[in-house]
């Protein structure tokens, strides 16, 4: 009988310890949404192809919209070419189940395919005192292989209201290329700012900030970009309606004045 009691006590104590250890790990941190890396460029892509009902008569100018879009889409090329692999990998992270590692750190492991190449992604999230520290490692086998390259890292507030990402250029050139600062209100992204941080680069300190606001123009960009063809920086303010597609742009260096230059819902130049 005494042996049975001892065995029972061992099971109870070991079960309590296992429960305690499991409980101490807590819950994994919530991964910031893919939207914390993304800027909406849809209003400045080829709208005439996107909206079949729009027909632009010959002789009508779309230069205001085209100028704003041309400058903005420079940034899209950076994100969706140079950084296509880590961004695509991050978009898939939220659908994976994490494993607890140690020191309040969880890990997500999965694979993704980008342009017919397969990559292994490993995302870690560590809960610190006032923030979550994130790191994304990517591995590629075969031609041009590399292992556990830290392609981006960042932090997010514990309540998920703001954060920052640092993205590195490539496994072959491991310098920091882009810094992303973001804020969030409820479920909506408030602002996203991409800053080109590669030192010694002609675009160093160039940036684009995207945000949403109230009023007839509910979206905006603030842009500071070096234009190599004229060897100077352009500073732009762009505002537009996400539903009607009309908007306006201001760039003193380009236009030679501080006025707004507008376009209508068909992207045609109009007087503001």
C-alpha atoms as a PDB file:
ATOM      1  CA  UNK A   1       0.000   0.000   0.000  1.00  0.00           C
ATOM      2  CA  UNK A   2       2.840   2.391   0.895  1.00  0.00           C
ATOM      3  CA  UNK A   3       4.495   1.713  -2.497  1.00  0.00           C
ATOM      4  CA  UNK A   4       1.237   2.470  -4.282  1.00  0.00           C
ATOM      5  CA  UNK A   5       0.904   5.767  -2.428  1.00  0.00           C
ATOM      6  CA  UNK A   6       4.461   6.733  -3.341  1.00  0.00           C
ATOM      7  CA  UNK A   7       3.876   5.886  -7.009  1.00  0.00           C
ATOM      8  CA  UNK A   8       0.640   7.894  -7.007  1.00  0.00           C
ATOM      9  CA  UNK A   9       2.413  10.877  -5.470  1.00  0.00           C
ATOM     10  CA  UNK A  10       5.148  10.666  -8.112  1.00  0.00           C
ATOM     11  CA  UNK A  11       2.558  10.768 -10.903  1.00  0.00           C
ATOM     12  CA  UNK A  12       0.752  13.705  -9.282  1.00  0.00           C
ATOM     13  CA  UNK A  13       3.947  15.698  -8.756  1.00  0.00           C
ATOM     14  CA  UNK A  14       5.345  14.958 -12.231  1.00  0.00           C
ATOM     15  CA  UNK A  15       1.991  15.824 -13.795  1.00  0.00           C
ATOM     16  CA  UNK A  16       1.916  19.116 -11.922  1.00  0.00           C
ATOM     17  CA  UNK A  17       5.457  19.914 -13.022  1.00  0.00           C
ATOM     18  CA  UNK A  18       4.633  19.158 -16.649  1.00  0.00           C
ATOM     19  CA  UNK A  19       1.524  21.333 -16.430  1.00  0.00           C
ATOM     20  CA  UNK A  20       3.533  24.091 -14.783  1.00  0.00           C
ATOM     21  CA  UNK A  21       6.226  23.972 -17.477  1.00  0.00           C
ATOM     22  CA  UNK A  22       3.634  24.062 -20.227  1.00  0.00           C
ATOM     23  CA  UNK A  23       1.803  26.928 -18.579  1.00  0.00           C
ATOM     24  CA  UNK A  24       5.008  28.958 -18.204  1.00  0.00           C
ATOM     25  CA  UNK A  25       5.546  29.070 -21.956  1.00  0.00           C
ATOM     26  CA  UNK A  26       2.435  31.202 -22.319  1.00  0.00           C
ATOM     27  CA  UNK A  27       0.946  32.004 -25.709  1.00  0.00           C
ATOM     28  CA  UNK A  28       2.985  32.719 -28.857  1.00  0.00           C
ATOM     29  CA  UNK A  29       3.110  36.361 -29.939  1.00  0.00           C
ATOM     30  CA  UNK A  30       0.713  37.481 -32.660  1.00  0.00           C
ATOM     31  CA  UNK A  31       2.537  37.903 -35.961  1.00  0.00           C
ATOM     32  CA  UNK A  32       2.064  41.413 -37.404  1.00  0.00           C
ATOM     33  CA  UNK A  33      -0.066  41.335 -40.532  1.00  0.00           C
ATOM     34  CA  UNK A  34       1.526  41.267 -43.976  1.00  0.00           C
ATOM     35  CA  UNK A  35       0.052  44.743 -44.385  1.00  0.00           C
ATOM     36  CA  UNK A  36       2.762  46.128 -42.098  1.00  0.00           C
ATOM     37  CA  UNK A  37       5.179  45.697 -45.007  1.00  0.00           C
ATOM     38  CA  UNK A  38       2.885  46.616 -47.883  1.00  0.00           C
ATOM     39  CA  UNK A  39       1.989  49.939 -49.470  1.00  0.00           C
ATOM     40  CA  UNK A  40      -1.094  50.233 -51.673  1.00  0.00           C
ATOM     41  CA  UNK A  41      -0.016  51.178 -55.212  1.00  0.00           C
ATOM     42  CA  UNK A  42      -3.214  50.086 -56.952  1.00  0.00           C
ATOM     43  CA  UNK A  43      -4.381  53.607 -57.849  1.00  0.00           C
ATOM     44  CA  UNK A  44      -1.190  54.216 -59.843  1.00  0.00           C
ATOM     45  CA  UNK A  45      -0.859  51.029 -61.797  1.00  0.00           C
ATOM     46  CA  UNK A  46      -2.170  50.908 -65.377  1.00  0.00           C
ATOM     47  CA  UNK A  47      -5.688  52.021 -64.497  1.00  0.00           C
ATOM     48  CA  UNK A  48      -6.830  52.096 -68.103  1.00  0.00           C
ATOM     49  CA  UNK A  49      -6.242  48.340 -68.328  1.00  0.00           C
ATOM     50  CA  UNK A  50      -7.595  47.730 -64.834  1.00  0.00           C
ATOM     51  CA  UNK A  51     -10.850  49.597 -65.389  1.00  0.00           C
ATOM     52  CA  UNK A  52     -12.212  48.579 -68.767  1.00  0.00           C
ATOM     53  CA  UNK A  53     -14.931  51.230 -68.634  1.00  0.00           C
ATOM     54  CA  UNK A  54     -12.371  54.049 -68.705  1.00  0.00           C
ATOM     55  CA  UNK A  55     -11.717  55.393 -72.196  1.00  0.00           C
ATOM     56  CA  UNK A  56      -9.306  58.292 -72.618  1.00  0.00           C
ATOM     57  CA  UNK A  57      -9.997  60.411 -75.745  1.00  0.00           C
ATOM     58  CA  UNK A  58      -6.948  61.383 -77.793  1.00  0.00           C
ATOM     59  CA  UNK A  59      -5.362  64.682 -76.866  1.00  0.00           C
ATOM     60  CA  UNK A  60      -6.360  64.587 -73.189  1.00  0.00           C
ATOM     61  CA  UNK A  61      -3.505  64.741 -70.717  1.00  0.00           C
ATOM     62  CA  UNK A  62      -2.921  62.296 -67.881  1.00  0.00           C
ATOM     63  CA  UNK A  63       0.416  63.829 -66.917  1.00  0.00           C
ATOM     64  CA  UNK A  64      -0.466  64.708 -63.312  1.00  0.00           C
ATOM     65  CA  UNK A  65      -1.558  61.166 -62.462  1.00  0.00           C
ATOM     66  CA  UNK A  66       1.279  59.641 -64.497  1.00  0.00           C
ATOM     67  CA  UNK A  67       3.905  61.764 -62.758  1.00  0.00           C
ATOM     68  CA  UNK A  68       2.634  60.836 -59.284  1.00  0.00           C
ATOM     69  CA  UNK A  69       2.404  57.176 -60.261  1.00  0.00           C
ATOM     70  CA  UNK A  70       5.810  57.032 -61.892  1.00  0.00           C
ATOM     71  CA  UNK A  71       7.525  58.282 -58.752  1.00  0.00           C
ATOM     72  CA  UNK A  72       5.485  56.023 -56.441  1.00  0.00           C
ATOM     73  CA  UNK A  73       6.015  52.880 -58.511  1.00  0.00           C
ATOM     74  CA  UNK A  74       9.791  53.181 -58.145  1.00  0.00           C
ATOM     75  CA  UNK A  75       9.214  51.973 -54.605  1.00  0.00           C
ATOM     76  CA  UNK A  76       7.046  49.082 -55.725  1.00  0.00           C
ATOM     77  CA  UNK A  77       9.901  47.827 -57.889  1.00  0.00           C
ATOM     78  CA  UNK A  78      12.175  47.705 -54.827  1.00  0.00           C
ATOM     79  CA  UNK A  79       9.748  45.691 -52.749  1.00  0.00           C
ATOM     80  CA  UNK A  80       8.509  43.274 -55.376  1.00  0.00           C
ATOM     81  CA  UNK A  81      11.816  42.471 -57.099  1.00  0.00           C
ATOM     82  CA  UNK A  82      14.756  42.758 -54.705  1.00  0.00           C
ATOM     83  CA  UNK A  83      12.697  41.783 -51.663  1.00  0.00           C
ATOM     84  CA  UNK A  84      10.144  39.434 -53.246  1.00  0.00           C
ATOM     85  CA  UNK A  85      11.408  36.313 -51.439  1.00  0.00           C
ATOM     86  CA  UNK A  86      11.333  37.521 -47.792  1.00  0.00           C
ATOM     87  CA  UNK A  87       8.075  39.409 -48.252  1.00  0.00           C
ATOM     88  CA  UNK A  88       6.346  36.393 -49.809  1.00  0.00           C
ATOM     89  CA  UNK A  89       7.710  34.154 -47.057  1.00  0.00           C
ATOM     90  CA  UNK A  90       6.431  36.499 -44.371  1.00  0.00           C
ATOM     91  CA  UNK A  91       2.951  36.600 -45.880  1.00  0.00           C
ATOM     92  CA  UNK A  92       2.650  32.836 -45.294  1.00  0.00           C
ATOM     93  CA  UNK A  93       3.849  32.860 -41.688  1.00  0.00           C
ATOM     94  CA  UNK A  94       0.488  33.620 -40.081  1.00  0.00           C
ATOM     95  CA  UNK A  95      -0.996  30.353 -41.384  1.00  0.00           C
ATOM     96  CA  UNK A  96       1.653  28.159 -39.717  1.00  0.00           C
ATOM     97  CA  UNK A  97       1.759  26.611 -36.243  1.00  0.00           C
ATOM     98  CA  UNK A  98       4.691  27.782 -34.099  1.00  0.00           C
ATOM     99  CA  UNK A  99       6.859  25.678 -31.775  1.00  0.00           C
ATOM    100  CA  UNK A 100       8.118  26.970 -28.433  1.00  0.00           C
ATOM    101  CA  UNK A 101      11.938  27.024 -28.347  1.00  0.00           C
ATOM    102  CA  UNK A 102      13.212  28.727 -25.186  1.00  0.00           C
ATOM    103  CA  UNK A 103      13.532  32.121 -23.482  1.00  0.00           C
ATOM    104  CA  UNK A 104      10.014  33.216 -24.499  1.00  0.00           C
ATOM    105  CA  UNK A 105      10.858  32.483 -28.130  1.00  0.00           C
ATOM    106  CA  UNK A 106       8.600  30.748 -30.670  1.00  0.00           C
ATOM    107  CA  UNK A 107       9.552  29.507 -34.111  1.00  0.00           C
ATOM    108  CA  UNK A 108       7.583  29.073 -37.341  1.00  0.00           C
ATOM    109  CA  UNK A 109       9.071  26.731 -39.994  1.00  0.00           C
ATOM    110  CA  UNK A 110       7.689  26.310 -43.513  1.00  0.00           C
ATOM    111  CA  UNK A 111       8.576  26.452 -47.213  1.00  0.00           C
ATOM    112  CA  UNK A 112       7.485  28.712 -50.060  1.00  0.00           C
ATOM    113  CA  UNK A 113       8.017  28.948 -53.804  1.00  0.00           C
ATOM    114  CA  UNK A 114       8.956  32.219 -55.521  1.00  0.00           C
ATOM    115  CA  UNK A 115       9.548  32.315 -59.287  1.00  0.00           C
ATOM    116  CA  UNK A 116       9.848  28.494 -59.452  1.00  0.00           C
ATOM    117  CA  UNK A 117      12.480  28.406 -56.685  1.00  0.00           C
ATOM    118  CA  UNK A 118      11.765  26.778 -53.308  1.00  0.00           C
ATOM    119  CA  UNK A 119      12.873  28.410 -50.079  1.00  0.00           C
ATOM    120  CA  UNK A 120      12.773  27.261 -46.448  1.00  0.00           C
ATOM    121  CA  UNK A 121      11.685  29.997 -44.054  1.00  0.00           C
ATOM    122  CA  UNK A 122      12.263  30.164 -40.312  1.00  0.00           C
ATOM    123  CA  UNK A 123      10.570  32.989 -38.418  1.00  0.00           C
ATOM    124  CA  UNK A 124      11.286  33.535 -34.727  1.00  0.00           C
ATOM    125  CA  UNK A 125       9.394  35.763 -32.323  1.00  0.00           C
ATOM    126  CA  UNK A 126      10.731  36.520 -28.850  1.00  0.00           C
ATOM    127  CA  UNK A 127       8.668  38.318 -26.238  1.00  0.00           C
ATOM    128  CA  UNK A 128      10.826  40.908 -24.483  1.00  0.00           C
ATOM    129  CA  UNK A 129       9.915  43.370 -21.733  1.00  0.00           C
ATOM    130  CA  UNK A 130       8.050  45.901 -23.907  1.00  0.00           C
ATOM    131  CA  UNK A 131       8.074  44.429 -27.409  1.00  0.00           C
ATOM    132  CA  UNK A 132       8.333  41.360 -29.592  1.00  0.00           C
ATOM    133  CA  UNK A 133      11.607  40.807 -31.455  1.00  0.00           C
ATOM    134  CA  UNK A 134      11.196  39.165 -34.889  1.00  0.00           C
ATOM    135  CA  UNK A 135      13.777  37.515 -37.161  1.00  0.00           C
ATOM    136  CA  UNK A 136      13.245  35.838 -40.529  1.00  0.00           C
ATOM    137  CA  UNK A 137      15.885  33.356 -41.759  1.00  0.00           C
ATOM    138  CA  UNK A 138      15.723  31.955 -45.290  1.00  0.00           C
ATOM    139  CA  UNK A 139      17.501  28.904 -46.763  1.00  0.00           C
ATOM    140  CA  UNK A 140      17.775  27.946 -50.432  1.00  0.00           C
ATOM    141  CA  UNK A 141      19.148  24.705 -51.892  1.00  0.00           C
ATOM    142  CA  UNK A 142      20.547  24.076 -55.363  1.00  0.00           C
ATOM    143  CA  UNK A 143      21.826  26.809 -57.668  1.00  0.00           C
ATOM    144  CA  UNK A 144      22.778  29.935 -55.756  1.00  0.00           C
ATOM    145  CA  UNK A 145      22.206  28.153 -52.462  1.00  0.00           C
ATOM    146  CA  UNK A 146      22.515  29.830 -49.061  1.00  0.00           C
ATOM    147  CA  UNK A 147      21.621  28.820 -45.527  1.00  0.00           C
ATOM    148  CA  UNK A 148      19.856  30.621 -42.692  1.00  0.00           C
ATOM    149  CA  UNK A 149      20.282  34.092 -44.174  1.00  0.00           C
ATOM    150  CA  UNK A 150      18.767  36.720 -41.862  1.00  0.00           C
ATOM    151  CA  UNK A 151      16.699  38.499 -44.525  1.00  0.00           C
ATOM    152  CA  UNK A 152      14.810  40.774 -42.178  1.00  0.00           C
ATOM    153  CA  UNK A 153      14.320  41.509 -38.525  1.00  0.00           C
ATOM    154  CA  UNK A 154      12.192  43.888 -36.524  1.00  0.00           C
ATOM    155  CA  UNK A 155      10.156  44.688 -33.470  1.00  0.00           C
ATOM    156  CA  UNK A 156       6.487  45.216 -32.692  1.00  0.00           C
ATOM    157  CA  UNK A 157       4.744  46.648 -29.668  1.00  0.00           C
ATOM    158  CA  UNK A 158       3.102  44.062 -27.430  1.00  0.00           C
ATOM    159  CA  UNK A 159      -0.316  45.525 -28.242  1.00  0.00           C
ATOM    160  CA  UNK A 160       0.388  45.380 -31.989  1.00  0.00           C
ATOM    161  CA  UNK A 161      -0.078  49.128 -32.573  1.00  0.00           C
ATOM    162  CA  UNK A 162       3.306  49.894 -34.119  1.00  0.00           C
ATOM    163  CA  UNK A 163       6.617  48.411 -35.153  1.00  0.00           C
ATOM    164  CA  UNK A 164       9.626  48.481 -37.414  1.00  0.00           C
ATOM    165  CA  UNK A 165      11.261  46.164 -39.958  1.00  0.00           C
ATOM    166  CA  UNK A 166      14.808  46.183 -41.315  1.00  0.00           C
ATOM    167  CA  UNK A 167      15.193  44.292 -44.611  1.00  0.00           C
ATOM    168  CA  UNK A 168      18.592  43.265 -45.965  1.00  0.00           C
ATOM    169  CA  UNK A 169      19.406  43.361 -49.653  1.00  0.00           C
ATOM    170  CA  UNK A 170      20.384  39.764 -50.459  1.00  0.00           C
ATOM    171  CA  UNK A 171      22.487  36.780 -49.336  1.00  0.00           C
ATOM    172  CA  UNK A 172      25.197  38.057 -51.689  1.00  0.00           C
ATOM    173  CA  UNK A 173      25.060  41.625 -50.349  1.00  0.00           C
ATOM    174  CA  UNK A 174      24.027  41.537 -46.704  1.00  0.00           C
ATOM    175  CA  UNK A 175      23.688  45.277 -46.114  1.00  0.00           C
ATOM    176  CA  UNK A 176      20.536  46.863 -44.707  1.00  0.00           C
ATOM    177  CA  UNK A 177      18.468  48.151 -47.634  1.00  0.00           C
ATOM    178  CA  UNK A 178      15.053  49.204 -46.375  1.00  0.00           C
ATOM    179  CA  UNK A 179      13.592  50.318 -43.051  1.00  0.00           C
ATOM    180  CA  UNK A 180       9.826  50.067 -42.617  1.00  0.00           C
ATOM    181  CA  UNK A 181       8.071  51.951 -39.805  1.00  0.00           C
ATOM    182  CA  UNK A 182       4.374  51.192 -39.339  1.00  0.00           C
ATOM    183  CA  UNK A 183       1.437  52.048 -37.114  1.00  0.00           C
ATOM    184  CA  UNK A 184      -1.918  50.350 -36.745  1.00  0.00           C
ATOM    185  CA  UNK A 185      -5.301  51.483 -35.393  1.00  0.00           C
ATOM    186  CA  UNK A 186      -7.650  48.617 -34.594  1.00  0.00           C
ATOM    187  CA  UNK A 187      -7.515  46.284 -37.578  1.00  0.00           C
ATOM    188  CA  UNK A 188      -6.462  48.997 -40.022  1.00  0.00           C
ATOM    189  CA  UNK A 189      -2.928  50.007 -40.947  1.00  0.00           C
ATOM    190  CA  UNK A 190      -2.514  53.693 -40.111  1.00  0.00           C
ATOM    191  CA  UNK A 191       0.798  54.654 -41.684  1.00  0.00           C
ATOM    192  CA  UNK A 192       3.676  52.847 -43.385  1.00  0.00           C
ATOM    193  CA  UNK A 193       6.994  54.532 -44.157  1.00  0.00           C
ATOM    194  CA  UNK A 194       9.701  52.897 -46.270  1.00  0.00           C
ATOM    195  CA  UNK A 195      13.146  54.497 -45.980  1.00  0.00           C
ATOM    196  CA  UNK A 196      16.062  53.534 -48.230  1.00  0.00           C
ATOM    197  CA  UNK A 197      18.880  53.080 -45.694  1.00  0.00           C
ATOM    198  CA  UNK A 198      21.683  51.561 -47.777  1.00  0.00           C
ATOM    199  CA  UNK A 199      24.714  53.762 -47.127  1.00  0.00           C
ATOM    200  CA  UNK A 200      26.718  55.055 -50.067  1.00  0.00           C
ATOM    201  CA  UNK A 201      23.724  54.584 -52.359  1.00  0.00           C
ATOM    202  CA  UNK A 202      22.333  57.462 -54.423  1.00  0.00           C
ATOM    203  CA  UNK A 203      18.885  56.744 -53.004  1.00  0.00           C
ATOM    204  CA  UNK A 204      20.057  56.821 -49.370  1.00  0.00           C
ATOM    205  CA  UNK A 205      17.505  58.499 -47.089  1.00  0.00           C
ATOM    206  CA  UNK A 206      14.870  58.571 -49.827  1.00  0.00           C
ATOM    207  CA  UNK A 207      11.471  57.558 -48.461  1.00  0.00           C
ATOM    208  CA  UNK A 208       7.795  57.062 -49.163  1.00  0.00           C
ATOM    209  CA  UNK A 209       5.133  57.349 -46.465  1.00  0.00           C
ATOM    210  CA  UNK A 210       1.650  55.972 -47.079  1.00  0.00           C
ATOM    211  CA  UNK A 211      -1.369  56.634 -44.912  1.00  0.00           C
ATOM    212  CA  UNK A 212      -5.127  56.830 -44.797  1.00  0.00           C
ATOM    213  CA  UNK A 213      -7.160  59.748 -43.562  1.00  0.00           C
ATOM    214  CA  UNK A 214     -10.676  61.185 -43.698  1.00  0.00           C
ATOM    215  CA  UNK A 215     -12.165  63.515 -46.272  1.00  0.00           C
ATOM    216  CA  UNK A 216     -12.682  63.357 -50.018  1.00  0.00           C
ATOM    217  CA  UNK A 217      -9.042  62.344 -50.495  1.00  0.00           C
ATOM    218  CA  UNK A 218      -8.696  59.457 -48.074  1.00  0.00           C
ATOM    219  CA  UNK A 219      -5.201  58.222 -48.993  1.00  0.00           C
ATOM    220  CA  UNK A 220      -1.853  59.929 -49.325  1.00  0.00           C
ATOM    221  CA  UNK A 221       1.862  59.592 -50.038  1.00  0.00           C
ATOM    222  CA  UNK A 222       4.657  61.817 -48.812  1.00  0.00           C
ATOM    223  CA  UNK A 223       7.705  61.090 -50.974  1.00  0.00           C
ATOM    224  CA  UNK A 224      11.343  62.180 -50.873  1.00  0.00           C
ATOM    225  CA  UNK A 225      13.252  60.598 -53.766  1.00  0.00           C
ATOM    226  CA  UNK A 226      16.530  61.246 -55.545  1.00  0.00           C
ATOM    227  CA  UNK A 227      16.004  61.551 -59.312  1.00  0.00           C
ATOM    228  CA  UNK A 228      19.222  60.538 -61.052  1.00  0.00           C
ATOM    229  CA  UNK A 229      18.304  62.094 -64.417  1.00  0.00           C
ATOM    230  CA  UNK A 230      18.163  65.590 -62.913  1.00  0.00           C
ATOM    231  CA  UNK A 231      20.573  64.893 -60.019  1.00  0.00           C
ATOM    232  CA  UNK A 232      18.340  66.254 -57.291  1.00  0.00           C
ATOM    233  CA  UNK A 233      15.631  65.213 -54.879  1.00  0.00           C
ATOM    234  CA  UNK A 234      11.933  65.504 -55.590  1.00  0.00           C
ATOM    235  CA  UNK A 235       9.591  66.093 -52.651  1.00  0.00           C
ATOM    236  CA  UNK A 236       6.003  65.129 -53.443  1.00  0.00           C
ATOM    237  CA  UNK A 237       2.679  65.243 -51.667  1.00  0.00           C
ATOM    238  CA  UNK A 238       0.085  63.000 -53.302  1.00  0.00           C
ATOM    239  CA  UNK A 239      -3.566  62.657 -52.247  1.00  0.00           C
ATOM    240  CA  UNK A 240      -6.333  60.581 -53.825  1.00  0.00           C
ATOM    241  CA  UNK A 241      -9.674  58.841 -53.319  1.00  0.00           C
ATOM    242  CA  UNK A 242      -9.499  55.035 -53.095  1.00  0.00           C
ATOM    243  CA  UNK A 243     -13.053  54.693 -54.402  1.00  0.00           C
ATOM    244  CA  UNK A 244     -13.274  57.448 -57.033  1.00  0.00           C
ATOM    245  CA  UNK A 245      -9.572  57.362 -58.061  1.00  0.00           C
ATOM    246  CA  UNK A 246      -9.367  61.143 -58.506  1.00  0.00           C
ATOM    247  CA  UNK A 247      -6.532  62.972 -56.799  1.00  0.00           C
ATOM    248  CA  UNK A 248      -3.836  65.610 -56.811  1.00  0.00           C
ATOM    249  CA  UNK A 249      -0.057  65.997 -56.602  1.00  0.00           C
ATOM    250  CA  UNK A 250       2.264  68.773 -55.441  1.00  0.00           C
ATOM    251  CA  UNK A 251       5.996  68.932 -56.270  1.00  0.00           C
ATOM    252  CA  UNK A 252       7.624  72.399 -56.347  1.00  0.00           C
ATOM    253  CA  UNK A 253      10.828  71.259 -58.076  1.00  0.00           C
ATOM    254  CA  UNK A 254       8.997  69.473 -60.894  1.00  0.00           C
ATOM    255  CA  UNK A 255       6.086  71.856 -61.467  1.00  0.00           C
ATOM    256  CA  UNK A 256       7.932  75.052 -60.596  1.00  0.00           C
ATOM    257  CA  UNK A 257       5.249  76.130 -58.112  1.00  0.00           C
ATOM    258  CA  UNK A 258       3.626  75.057 -54.833  1.00  0.00           C
ATOM    259  CA  UNK A 259       0.154  74.507 -56.351  1.00  0.00           C
ATOM    260  CA  UNK A 260      -1.806  71.282 -56.413  1.00  0.00           C
ATOM    261  CA  UNK A 261      -2.110  69.593 -59.826  1.00  0.00           C
ATOM    262  CA  UNK A 262      -5.232  67.439 -60.115  1.00  0.00           C
ATOM    263  CA  UNK A 263      -6.772  64.571 -62.082  1.00  0.00           C
ATOM    264  CA  UNK A 264     -10.351  63.309 -62.243  1.00  0.00           C
ATOM    265  CA  UNK A 265     -11.803  59.811 -61.839  1.00  0.00           C
ATOM    266  CA  UNK A 266     -10.673  59.022 -65.375  1.00  0.00           C
ATOM    267  CA  UNK A 267      -7.101  60.096 -64.486  1.00  0.00           C
ATOM    268  CA  UNK A 268      -7.364  63.087 -66.840  1.00  0.00           C
ATOM    269  CA  UNK A 269      -5.797  66.433 -65.870  1.00  0.00           C
ATOM    270  CA  UNK A 270      -8.267  68.959 -64.454  1.00  0.00           C
ATOM    271  CA  UNK A 271      -8.026  72.344 -62.776  1.00  0.00           C
ATOM    272  CA  UNK A 272      -7.938  71.960 -59.009  1.00  0.00           C
END
